[in-house]
Amino acid sequence: LISIMAITRIKKEQIINDLHKAAEHADMIVFLNFHKVSVADMSALRNILRKAGAALKVAKKRLAKRVLDGLGLHGDMPKLEGEVALFFKEGEPVEAVKVLSDFAKKFEGMKILGGVYERGYVGADIVKMLASIPPRDVLFGQVVGGIASPIRGFMNVINGPLAGLVGVLHNITKSRI
């Protein structure tokens, strides 16, 4: 039998400090149930998120709640069930949340429980909605395309009579030959 040792008070304080620093600077926090996900898969997720500028930390729910209660967030905290990891992202969260959401879809034991966005608690549906937003470059392309579409239509209207004239002149030259 392997005995499970309780976390020492010093270790708990260190975990609380780490969580507090990450939570203070994060623009987005996501609560993730990772039940039945292997250590190797969690390590792979951490590496992918690190490349996207995000962090994933595992902590006891009681310690996480203690840190989150100290932040003065508005709304109701989503129910944290199962084994919970916290995702932290500074700056624009959409790309990293998309990575997290795509990863969660691959594993049946992984579930997004909710999170913190704009200093308030949000449900899993809001987190998933943020993950569905296209990347910034695609959004810029859509805006430019929307602006260019009327201009392109206007140019087609202006060029219509000229194209018709060219067609008529071409037919006249063919009929004379």
Foldseek 3Di string as FASTA:
>chain_A
DDDDDDDDPVRLVVVLVVLLVLVVQFQKKWKKAQPPPDPVLVVVLQVVLVVVQKGKAWDDPVSNVVSLVVLPADDDAFDRDHGIIMMGHHDQCQVSLLSVVVSQVVDPRMDTAWIAHPRHTGGPVVSVVSNPDDDPVVVVVVVVCVVCVVVVVVVCVVCVVVVVVVVVVVVVVVVVD
